[in-house]
């Protein structure tokens, strides 16, 4: 039990530590890249055991290759909660704001601040009196979501899709 808790804690601490030295723009892009990788793994855990099909679906230029498509697929397949979906979509919008801004970008920009303040997961965990910065909300939300997506991948693996039997003739009289 201690082993199980220590791995996500180490991952969370590593994310937070790594982000401490990065610019706001780097934090936004790296954080979403990290979540995108976890979403790909979550979907792969759920798909049938066929590496070729997984690559055809999840490859960068393929139907489930983008962060947005992976978020929608994970939610549509019931692999993530409504709150996780909500926060992943907000994080996707935050990342897009930083990508569109060819300058450095800043978590203190009004639009980005407002998006960060709408994240539900940090709001449920952080104490009201802490008054975290938008950057802190983003980093904390990203770290919690990364842990949650690892947990969801384990669940998805238990519900992994299996190929159906080959064509079976059905006796209509028995239906």
N, C-alpha and C. Protein backbone atom coordinates (compact mmCIF):
# COMPACT_ATOMS: atom_id res chain seq x y z
N UNK A 1 0.82 -1.19 0.00
CA UNK A 1 0.00 0.00 0.00
C UNK A 1 0.87 1.26 0.00
N UNK A 2 1.91 1.28 0.79
CA UNK A 2 2.82 2.41 0.82
C UNK A 2 3.49 2.60 -0.53
N UNK A 3 3.85 1.50 -1.17
CA UNK A 3 4.47 1.55 -2.50
C UNK A 3 3.55 2.23 -3.50
N UNK A 4 2.22 1.87 -3.47
CA UNK A 4 1.27 2.45 -4.41
C UNK A 4 1.17 3.96 -4.23
N UNK A 5 1.15 4.44 -3.01
CA UNK A 5 1.02 5.86 -2.75
C UNK A 5 2.30 6.61 -3.10
N UNK A 6 3.45 5.98 -2.93
CA UNK A 6 4.71 6.68 -3.15
C UNK A 6 4.97 6.97 -4.62
N UNK A 7 4.52 6.10 -5.52
CA UNK A 7 4.76 6.34 -6.95
C UNK A 7 4.02 7.59 -7.42
N UNK A 8 2.69 7.73 -7.21
CA UNK A 8 2.02 8.95 -7.63
C UNK A 8 2.56 10.19 -6.92
N UNK A 9 2.93 10.06 -5.66
CA UNK A 9 3.48 11.19 -4.93
C UNK A 9 4.79 11.63 -5.55
N UNK A 10 5.64 10.68 -5.92
CA UNK A 10 6.91 11.01 -6.56
C UNK A 10 6.67 11.69 -7.91
N UNK A 11 5.69 11.17 -8.66
CA UNK A 11 5.38 11.76 -9.97
C UNK A 11 4.90 13.19 -9.79
N UNK A 12 4.00 13.41 -8.83
CA UNK A 12 3.47 14.75 -8.59
C UNK A 12 4.60 15.69 -8.19
N UNK A 13 5.46 15.26 -7.27
CA UNK A 13 6.57 16.08 -6.80
C UNK A 13 7.52 16.39 -7.96
N UNK A 14 7.79 15.40 -8.82
CA UNK A 14 8.69 15.62 -9.95
C UNK A 14 8.11 16.67 -10.90
N UNK A 15 6.81 16.60 -11.16
CA UNK A 15 6.18 17.57 -12.05
C UNK A 15 6.31 18.97 -11.47
N UNK A 16 5.95 19.11 -10.20
CA UNK A 16 5.99 20.42 -9.56
C UNK A 16 7.42 20.95 -9.54
N UNK A 17 8.38 20.12 -9.16
CA UNK A 17 9.78 20.55 -9.11
C UNK A 17 10.29 20.96 -10.49
N UNK A 18 9.94 20.17 -11.50
CA UNK A 18 10.39 20.47 -12.86
C UNK A 18 9.83 21.81 -13.34
N UNK A 19 8.59 22.09 -12.99
CA UNK A 19 7.94 23.31 -13.45
C UNK A 19 8.42 24.56 -12.72
N UNK A 20 9.03 24.42 -11.57
CA UNK A 20 9.46 25.58 -10.79
C UNK A 20 10.43 26.47 -11.57
N UNK A 21 11.27 25.88 -12.38
CA UNK A 21 12.33 26.63 -13.08
C UNK A 21 11.93 27.05 -14.49
N UNK A 22 10.73 26.72 -14.92
CA UNK A 22 10.32 27.00 -16.30
C UNK A 22 9.52 28.30 -16.41
N UNK A 23 9.50 28.86 -17.61
CA UNK A 23 8.67 30.03 -17.88
C UNK A 23 7.20 29.62 -17.88
N UNK A 24 6.30 30.58 -17.79
CA UNK A 24 4.87 30.28 -17.81
C UNK A 24 4.49 29.54 -19.10
N UNK A 25 5.01 30.01 -20.21
CA UNK A 25 4.70 29.37 -21.50
C UNK A 25 5.17 27.92 -21.53
N UNK A 26 6.37 27.67 -21.03
CA UNK A 26 6.91 26.31 -20.98
C UNK A 26 6.07 25.43 -20.07
N UNK A 27 5.65 25.97 -18.94
CA UNK A 27 4.82 25.21 -18.00
C UNK A 27 3.51 24.79 -18.67
N UNK A 28 2.87 25.71 -19.37
CA UNK A 28 1.60 25.41 -20.03
C UNK A 28 1.77 24.35 -21.11
N UNK A 29 2.80 24.48 -21.91
CA UNK A 29 3.00 23.54 -23.01
C UNK A 29 3.48 22.19 -22.50
N UNK A 30 4.42 22.18 -21.56
CA UNK A 30 4.90 20.91 -21.00
C UNK A 30 3.82 20.18 -20.22
N UNK A 31 3.04 20.93 -19.46
CA UNK A 31 1.97 20.32 -18.67
C UNK A 31 0.95 19.61 -19.54
N UNK A 32 0.53 20.28 -20.62
CA UNK A 32 -0.45 19.66 -21.50
C UNK A 32 0.16 18.51 -22.29
N UNK A 33 1.42 18.61 -22.63
CA UNK A 33 2.09 17.50 -23.32
C UNK A 33 2.13 16.28 -22.41
N UNK A 34 2.41 16.52 -21.16
CA UNK A 34 2.44 15.43 -20.18
C UNK A 34 1.06 14.77 -20.06
N UNK A 35 0.01 15.60 -19.96
CA UNK A 35 -1.35 15.05 -19.87
C UNK A 35 -1.75 14.34 -21.17
N UNK A 36 -1.32 14.89 -22.30
CA UNK A 36 -1.62 14.26 -23.59
C UNK A 36 -1.03 12.85 -23.66
N UNK A 37 0.18 12.69 -23.15
CA UNK A 37 0.83 11.37 -23.12
C UNK A 37 0.05 10.41 -22.23
N UNK A 38 -0.41 10.90 -21.09
CA UNK A 38 -1.21 10.06 -20.19
C UNK A 38 -2.55 9.68 -20.81
N UNK A 39 -3.16 10.61 -21.54
CA UNK A 39 -4.43 10.30 -22.21
C UNK A 39 -4.23 9.23 -23.28
N UNK A 40 -3.14 9.33 -24.02
CA UNK A 40 -2.84 8.31 -25.04
C UNK A 40 -2.69 6.94 -24.38
N UNK A 41 -1.99 6.90 -23.27
CA UNK A 41 -1.80 5.63 -22.56
C UNK A 41 -3.13 5.11 -22.03
N UNK A 42 -3.96 5.98 -21.50
CA UNK A 42 -5.29 5.59 -21.01
C UNK A 42 -6.10 4.95 -22.14
N UNK A 43 -6.14 5.59 -23.29
CA UNK A 43 -6.89 5.05 -24.42
C UNK A 43 -6.30 3.73 -24.90
N UNK A 44 -4.98 3.67 -24.94
CA UNK A 44 -4.31 2.43 -25.37
C UNK A 44 -4.63 1.27 -24.42
N UNK A 45 -4.74 1.55 -23.15
CA UNK A 45 -5.08 0.52 -22.17
C UNK A 45 -6.48 -0.03 -22.40
N UNK A 46 -7.35 0.78 -22.97
CA UNK A 46 -8.74 0.39 -23.19
C UNK A 46 -8.96 -0.30 -24.53
N UNK A 47 -8.15 0.05 -25.52
CA UNK A 47 -8.32 -0.50 -26.86
C UNK A 47 -7.95 -1.99 -26.92
N UNK A 48 -8.44 -2.67 -27.95
CA UNK A 48 -8.07 -4.07 -28.14
C UNK A 48 -6.55 -4.18 -28.27
N UNK A 49 -6.04 -5.34 -27.95
CA UNK A 49 -4.59 -5.60 -27.99
C UNK A 49 -4.16 -5.76 -29.45
N UNK A 50 -3.85 -4.62 -30.09
CA UNK A 50 -3.41 -4.63 -31.48
C UNK A 50 -2.58 -3.37 -31.70
N UNK A 51 -1.27 -3.51 -31.66
CA UNK A 51 -0.36 -2.37 -31.74
C UNK A 51 -0.57 -1.56 -33.01
N UNK A 52 -0.85 -2.24 -34.12
CA UNK A 52 -1.03 -1.54 -35.40
C UNK A 52 -2.26 -0.63 -35.34
N UNK A 53 -3.35 -1.13 -34.81
CA UNK A 53 -4.57 -0.33 -34.70
C UNK A 53 -4.37 0.82 -33.72
N UNK A 54 -3.71 0.54 -32.59
CA UNK A 54 -3.44 1.60 -31.61
C UNK A 54 -2.65 2.72 -32.26
N UNK A 55 -1.63 2.37 -33.02
CA UNK A 55 -0.80 3.39 -33.69
C UNK A 55 -1.62 4.14 -34.74
N UNK A 56 -2.48 3.41 -35.47
CA UNK A 56 -3.32 4.05 -36.49
C UNK A 56 -4.32 5.02 -35.86
N UNK A 57 -4.77 4.74 -34.66
CA UNK A 57 -5.72 5.63 -33.99
C UNK A 57 -5.03 6.75 -33.21
N UNK A 58 -3.97 6.40 -32.49
CA UNK A 58 -3.37 7.32 -31.53
C UNK A 58 -2.15 8.08 -32.06
N UNK A 59 -1.67 7.72 -33.24
CA UNK A 59 -0.51 8.42 -33.81
C UNK A 59 -0.81 9.90 -33.97
N UNK A 60 0.23 10.71 -33.97
CA UNK A 60 0.10 12.17 -33.96
C UNK A 60 -0.83 12.73 -35.04
N UNK A 61 -0.74 12.21 -36.23
CA UNK A 61 -1.55 12.74 -37.35
C UNK A 61 -2.82 11.92 -37.57
N UNK A 62 -3.20 11.10 -36.61
CA UNK A 62 -4.32 10.19 -36.77
C UNK A 62 -5.53 10.65 -35.96
N UNK A 63 -6.67 9.96 -36.10
CA UNK A 63 -7.93 10.44 -35.50
C UNK A 63 -7.84 10.80 -34.01
N UNK A 64 -7.13 10.04 -33.22
CA UNK A 64 -7.03 10.31 -31.78
C UNK A 64 -5.63 10.80 -31.41
N UNK A 65 -5.01 11.52 -32.32
CA UNK A 65 -3.64 11.97 -32.10
C UNK A 65 -3.51 13.30 -31.39
N UNK A 66 -4.56 14.10 -31.39
CA UNK A 66 -4.46 15.42 -30.76
C UNK A 66 -4.94 15.38 -29.31
N UNK A 67 -4.50 16.34 -28.55
CA UNK A 67 -4.91 16.47 -27.15
C UNK A 67 -6.44 16.60 -27.07
N UNK A 68 -7.01 17.45 -27.90
CA UNK A 68 -8.46 17.66 -27.91
C UNK A 68 -9.21 16.36 -28.22
N UNK A 69 -8.79 15.65 -29.25
CA UNK A 69 -9.48 14.40 -29.64
C UNK A 69 -9.37 13.36 -28.53
N UNK A 70 -8.23 13.28 -27.88
CA UNK A 70 -8.03 12.30 -26.80
C UNK A 70 -8.91 12.63 -25.60
N UNK A 71 -9.04 13.92 -25.29
CA UNK A 71 -9.92 14.32 -24.19
C UNK A 71 -11.36 13.89 -24.49
N UNK A 72 -11.81 14.22 -25.68
CA UNK A 72 -13.19 13.91 -26.07
C UNK A 72 -13.43 12.40 -26.13
N UNK A 73 -12.47 11.66 -26.66
CA UNK A 73 -12.62 10.20 -26.74
C UNK A 73 -12.65 9.58 -25.34
N UNK A 74 -11.75 10.01 -24.47
CA UNK A 74 -11.72 9.46 -23.10
C UNK A 74 -13.04 9.73 -22.39
N UNK A 75 -13.58 10.91 -22.58
CA UNK A 75 -14.86 11.24 -21.94
C UNK A 75 -16.00 10.47 -22.60
N UNK A 76 -16.03 10.45 -23.92
CA UNK A 76 -17.09 9.75 -24.65
C UNK A 76 -17.13 8.26 -24.37
N UNK A 77 -15.98 7.67 -24.09
CA UNK A 77 -15.91 6.24 -23.77
C UNK A 77 -16.12 5.97 -22.28
N UNK A 78 -16.34 7.01 -21.51
CA UNK A 78 -16.59 6.85 -20.09
C UNK A 78 -15.34 6.52 -19.28
N UNK A 79 -14.17 6.90 -19.78
CA UNK A 79 -12.92 6.58 -19.10
C UNK A 79 -12.50 7.65 -18.09
N UNK A 80 -13.10 8.84 -18.19
CA UNK A 80 -12.80 9.91 -17.24
C UNK A 80 -14.12 10.50 -16.74
N UNK A 81 -14.05 11.19 -15.62
CA UNK A 81 -15.25 11.80 -15.04
C UNK A 81 -15.58 13.12 -15.72
N UNK A 82 -16.76 13.64 -15.42
CA UNK A 82 -17.18 14.94 -15.95
C UNK A 82 -16.24 16.06 -15.46
N UNK A 83 -15.82 15.99 -14.20
CA UNK A 83 -14.90 17.00 -13.65
C UNK A 83 -13.54 16.92 -14.33
N UNK A 84 -13.03 15.71 -14.52
CA UNK A 84 -11.75 15.55 -15.22
C UNK A 84 -11.84 16.10 -16.64
N UNK A 85 -12.94 15.80 -17.32
CA UNK A 85 -13.18 16.31 -18.67
C UNK A 85 -13.18 17.85 -18.65
N UNK A 86 -13.94 18.43 -17.73
CA UNK A 86 -14.04 19.87 -17.61
C UNK A 86 -12.66 20.51 -17.48
N UNK A 87 -11.84 19.98 -16.55
CA UNK A 87 -10.53 20.56 -16.31
C UNK A 87 -9.56 20.31 -17.47
N UNK A 88 -9.64 19.15 -18.09
CA UNK A 88 -8.79 18.89 -19.25
C UNK A 88 -9.11 19.84 -20.40
N UNK A 89 -10.38 20.13 -20.61
CA UNK A 89 -10.77 21.07 -21.66
C UNK A 89 -10.25 22.47 -21.33
N UNK A 90 -10.36 22.89 -20.07
CA UNK A 90 -9.82 24.20 -19.68
C UNK A 90 -8.31 24.25 -19.89
N UNK A 91 -7.61 23.19 -19.51
CA UNK A 91 -6.16 23.14 -19.68
C UNK A 91 -5.80 23.19 -21.16
N UNK A 92 -6.59 22.53 -21.99
CA UNK A 92 -6.38 22.58 -23.44
C UNK A 92 -6.53 24.03 -23.94
N UNK A 93 -7.55 24.76 -23.45
CA UNK A 93 -7.73 26.16 -23.84
C UNK A 93 -6.58 27.03 -23.35
N UNK A 94 -6.12 26.77 -22.13
CA UNK A 94 -4.99 27.54 -21.59
C UNK A 94 -3.75 27.32 -22.46
N UNK A 95 -3.49 26.06 -22.79
CA UNK A 95 -2.34 25.77 -23.65
C UNK A 95 -2.46 26.49 -24.99
N UNK A 96 -3.65 26.47 -25.56
CA UNK A 96 -3.85 27.13 -26.85
C UNK A 96 -3.60 28.63 -26.78
N UNK A 97 -3.96 29.25 -25.65
CA UNK A 97 -3.67 30.68 -25.47
C UNK A 97 -2.17 30.93 -25.49
N UNK A 98 -1.41 30.06 -24.84
CA UNK A 98 0.05 30.22 -24.82
C UNK A 98 0.67 29.94 -26.18
N UNK A 99 0.12 28.99 -26.91
CA UNK A 99 0.65 28.67 -28.24
C UNK A 99 0.36 29.81 -29.22
N UNK A 100 -0.83 30.38 -29.15
CA UNK A 100 -1.19 31.48 -30.06
C UNK A 100 -0.37 32.74 -29.79
N UNK A 101 -0.03 32.95 -28.51
CA UNK A 101 0.76 34.12 -28.13
C UNK A 101 2.21 33.83 -28.46
N UNK A 102 2.72 34.45 -29.50
CA UNK A 102 4.09 34.17 -29.93
C UNK A 102 5.13 34.77 -28.98
N UNK A 103 4.67 35.63 -28.06
CA UNK A 103 5.57 36.15 -27.03
C UNK A 103 5.72 35.08 -25.96
N UNK A 104 6.14 35.49 -24.80
CA UNK A 104 6.37 34.53 -23.71
C UNK A 104 5.06 34.04 -23.12
N UNK A 105 4.04 34.89 -23.04
CA UNK A 105 2.80 34.50 -22.39
C UNK A 105 2.96 34.57 -20.88
N UNK A 106 1.81 34.68 -20.19
CA UNK A 106 1.88 34.90 -18.76
C UNK A 106 0.59 34.42 -18.10
N UNK A 107 0.72 33.68 -17.01
CA UNK A 107 -0.45 33.22 -16.27
C UNK A 107 -1.22 34.38 -15.65
N UNK A 108 -0.64 35.56 -15.58
CA UNK A 108 -1.30 36.72 -14.99
C UNK A 108 -2.15 37.48 -16.01
N UNK A 109 -2.11 37.09 -17.29
CA UNK A 109 -2.99 37.69 -18.29
C UNK A 109 -4.43 37.36 -17.88
N UNK A 110 -5.30 38.33 -18.03
CA UNK A 110 -6.67 38.21 -17.53
C UNK A 110 -7.39 36.95 -18.05
N UNK A 111 -7.31 36.70 -19.36
CA UNK A 111 -8.00 35.53 -19.93
C UNK A 111 -7.48 34.23 -19.33
N UNK A 112 -6.18 34.13 -19.19
CA UNK A 112 -5.57 32.91 -18.66
C UNK A 112 -5.88 32.77 -17.17
N UNK A 113 -5.83 33.88 -16.44
CA UNK A 113 -6.19 33.86 -15.02
C UNK A 113 -7.60 33.32 -14.84
N UNK A 114 -8.52 33.83 -15.63
CA UNK A 114 -9.93 33.41 -15.52
C UNK A 114 -10.10 31.92 -15.82
N UNK A 115 -9.39 31.43 -16.82
CA UNK A 115 -9.46 29.99 -17.12
C UNK A 115 -8.90 29.16 -15.96
N UNK A 116 -7.78 29.58 -15.41
CA UNK A 116 -7.17 28.85 -14.28
C UNK A 116 -8.08 28.83 -13.07
N UNK A 117 -8.76 29.93 -12.82
CA UNK A 117 -9.66 30.02 -11.67
C UNK A 117 -10.89 29.14 -11.83
N UNK A 118 -11.20 28.74 -13.05
CA UNK A 118 -12.36 27.87 -13.30
C UNK A 118 -12.02 26.39 -13.15
N UNK A 119 -10.74 26.05 -12.96
CA UNK A 119 -10.37 24.64 -12.76
C UNK A 119 -11.05 24.13 -11.49
N UNK A 120 -11.73 23.01 -11.59
CA UNK A 120 -12.50 22.47 -10.47
C UNK A 120 -11.65 21.65 -9.51
N UNK A 121 -10.73 20.86 -10.04
CA UNK A 121 -9.97 19.94 -9.19
C UNK A 121 -9.13 20.69 -8.15
N UNK A 122 -8.34 21.69 -8.54
CA UNK A 122 -7.60 22.42 -7.49
C UNK A 122 -8.53 23.07 -6.47
N UNK A 123 -9.67 23.56 -6.94
CA UNK A 123 -10.63 24.23 -6.07
C UNK A 123 -11.17 23.27 -5.00
N UNK A 124 -11.29 21.99 -5.34
CA UNK A 124 -11.79 21.00 -4.39
C UNK A 124 -10.73 20.60 -3.37
N UNK A 125 -9.45 20.79 -3.69
CA UNK A 125 -8.37 20.30 -2.84
C UNK A 125 -7.67 21.40 -2.06
N UNK A 126 -7.48 22.56 -2.69
CA UNK A 126 -6.74 23.65 -2.06
C UNK A 126 -7.65 24.38 -1.07
N UNK A 127 -7.12 24.70 0.08
CA UNK A 127 -7.87 25.44 1.09
C UNK A 127 -8.16 26.86 0.60
N UNK A 128 -9.33 27.37 0.94
CA UNK A 128 -9.75 28.70 0.49
C UNK A 128 -8.77 29.79 0.91
N UNK A 129 -8.23 29.69 2.12
CA UNK A 129 -7.34 30.74 2.61
C UNK A 129 -5.96 30.72 1.95
N UNK A 130 -5.67 29.70 1.16
CA UNK A 130 -4.36 29.62 0.50
C UNK A 130 -4.21 30.65 -0.61
N UNK A 131 -5.30 30.99 -1.31
CA UNK A 131 -5.28 31.97 -2.39
C UNK A 131 -4.13 31.75 -3.38
N UNK A 132 -4.13 30.61 -4.08
CA UNK A 132 -3.03 30.29 -5.00
C UNK A 132 -3.05 31.16 -6.25
N UNK A 133 -1.88 31.32 -6.83
CA UNK A 133 -1.75 32.07 -8.08
C UNK A 133 -2.32 31.23 -9.23
N UNK A 134 -2.66 31.85 -10.36
CA UNK A 134 -3.14 31.09 -11.52
C UNK A 134 -2.13 30.02 -11.95
N UNK A 135 -0.86 30.35 -11.92
CA UNK A 135 0.18 29.37 -12.29
C UNK A 135 0.13 28.17 -11.34
N UNK A 136 0.00 28.44 -10.04
CA UNK A 136 -0.07 27.37 -9.05
C UNK A 136 -1.30 26.50 -9.31
N UNK A 137 -2.43 27.12 -9.61
CA UNK A 137 -3.65 26.36 -9.91
C UNK A 137 -3.43 25.44 -11.11
N UNK A 138 -2.78 25.99 -12.15
CA UNK A 138 -2.51 25.20 -13.35
C UNK A 138 -1.59 24.02 -13.05
N UNK A 139 -0.47 24.29 -12.37
CA UNK A 139 0.50 23.23 -12.05
C UNK A 139 -0.14 22.18 -11.15
N UNK A 140 -0.84 22.63 -10.14
CA UNK A 140 -1.48 21.70 -9.22
C UNK A 140 -2.54 20.86 -9.94
N UNK A 141 -3.36 21.52 -10.76
CA UNK A 141 -4.39 20.80 -11.52
C UNK A 141 -3.78 19.79 -12.48
N UNK A 142 -2.70 20.17 -13.14
CA UNK A 142 -2.01 19.26 -14.06
C UNK A 142 -1.45 18.05 -13.32
N UNK A 143 -0.83 18.30 -12.17
CA UNK A 143 -0.24 17.20 -11.39
C UNK A 143 -1.31 16.24 -10.89
N UNK A 144 -2.42 16.78 -10.38
CA UNK A 144 -3.50 15.92 -9.89
C UNK A 144 -4.11 15.14 -11.05
N UNK A 145 -4.34 15.79 -12.17
CA UNK A 145 -4.90 15.09 -13.34
C UNK A 145 -3.96 14.00 -13.85
N UNK A 146 -2.66 14.25 -13.82
CA UNK A 146 -1.70 13.23 -14.26
C UNK A 146 -1.83 11.99 -13.37
N UNK A 147 -1.91 12.19 -12.07
CA UNK A 147 -2.09 11.06 -11.15
C UNK A 147 -3.40 10.34 -11.44
N UNK A 148 -4.45 11.13 -11.63
CA UNK A 148 -5.77 10.55 -11.87
C UNK A 148 -5.80 9.77 -13.17
N UNK A 149 -5.13 10.26 -14.20
CA UNK A 149 -5.10 9.54 -15.48
C UNK A 149 -4.33 8.23 -15.37
N UNK A 150 -3.30 8.18 -14.53
CA UNK A 150 -2.60 6.91 -14.30
C UNK A 150 -3.54 5.91 -13.63
N UNK A 151 -4.30 6.38 -12.66
CA UNK A 151 -5.28 5.54 -11.99
C UNK A 151 -6.35 5.07 -12.98
N UNK A 152 -6.83 5.99 -13.80
CA UNK A 152 -7.85 5.65 -14.81
C UNK A 152 -7.31 4.63 -15.82
N UNK A 153 -6.03 4.72 -16.14
CA UNK A 153 -5.43 3.75 -17.08
C UNK A 153 -5.45 2.35 -16.47
N UNK A 154 -5.19 2.24 -15.18
CA UNK A 154 -5.27 0.93 -14.52
C UNK A 154 -6.70 0.40 -14.57
N UNK A 155 -7.67 1.27 -14.35
CA UNK A 155 -9.08 0.87 -14.45
C UNK A 155 -9.42 0.43 -15.88
N UNK A 156 -8.95 1.20 -16.87
CA UNK A 156 -9.24 0.90 -18.27
C UNK A 156 -8.65 -0.44 -18.67
N UNK A 157 -7.48 -0.74 -18.14
CA UNK A 157 -6.84 -2.02 -18.45
C UNK A 157 -7.70 -3.19 -17.96
N UNK A 158 -8.40 -2.99 -16.85
CA UNK A 158 -9.30 -4.02 -16.32
C UNK A 158 -10.54 -4.17 -17.21
N UNK A 159 -10.88 -3.14 -17.95
CA UNK A 159 -12.05 -3.15 -18.83
C UNK A 159 -11.65 -3.21 -20.30
N UNK A 160 -10.43 -3.62 -20.56
CA UNK A 160 -9.87 -3.65 -21.91
C UNK A 160 -10.83 -4.32 -22.89
N UNK A 161 -10.97 -3.71 -24.04
CA UNK A 161 -11.83 -4.28 -25.08
C UNK A 161 -11.20 -5.56 -25.62
N UNK A 162 -12.04 -6.50 -25.98
CA UNK A 162 -11.57 -7.74 -26.60
C UNK A 162 -12.27 -7.88 -27.94
N UNK A 163 -11.57 -8.51 -28.86
CA UNK A 163 -12.17 -8.72 -30.18
C UNK A 163 -13.37 -9.65 -30.07
N UNK A 164 -14.35 -9.40 -30.87
CA UNK A 164 -15.55 -10.24 -30.92
C UNK A 164 -15.22 -11.53 -31.67
N UNK A 165 -16.03 -12.54 -31.41
CA UNK A 165 -15.88 -13.79 -32.14
C UNK A 165 -16.12 -13.52 -33.62
N UNK A 166 -15.62 -14.43 -34.45
CA UNK A 166 -15.88 -14.31 -35.87
C UNK A 166 -17.38 -14.41 -36.12
N UNK A 167 -17.76 -14.16 -37.33
CA UNK A 167 -19.17 -14.20 -37.73
C UNK A 167 -19.86 -15.45 -37.21
N UNK A 168 -21.01 -15.26 -36.63
CA UNK A 168 -21.77 -16.39 -36.10
C UNK A 168 -23.15 -16.36 -36.74
N UNK A 169 -23.57 -17.49 -37.28
CA UNK A 169 -24.91 -17.57 -37.82
C UNK A 169 -25.89 -17.61 -36.66
N UNK A 170 -26.93 -16.82 -36.76
CA UNK A 170 -27.91 -16.74 -35.69
C UNK A 170 -29.18 -17.41 -36.18
N UNK A 171 -29.71 -18.26 -35.32
CA UNK A 171 -30.98 -18.90 -35.63
C UNK A 171 -32.08 -17.93 -35.25
N UNK A 172 -32.73 -17.35 -36.25
CA UNK A 172 -33.75 -16.32 -36.03
C UNK A 172 -34.90 -16.87 -35.21
N UNK A 173 -35.23 -18.13 -35.35
CA UNK A 173 -36.35 -18.70 -34.59
C UNK A 173 -36.10 -18.68 -33.09
N UNK A 174 -34.87 -18.65 -32.67
CA UNK A 174 -34.55 -18.64 -31.24
C UNK A 174 -34.55 -17.23 -30.65
N UNK A 175 -34.66 -16.23 -31.49
CA UNK A 175 -34.64 -14.85 -30.99
C UNK A 175 -36.00 -14.41 -30.57
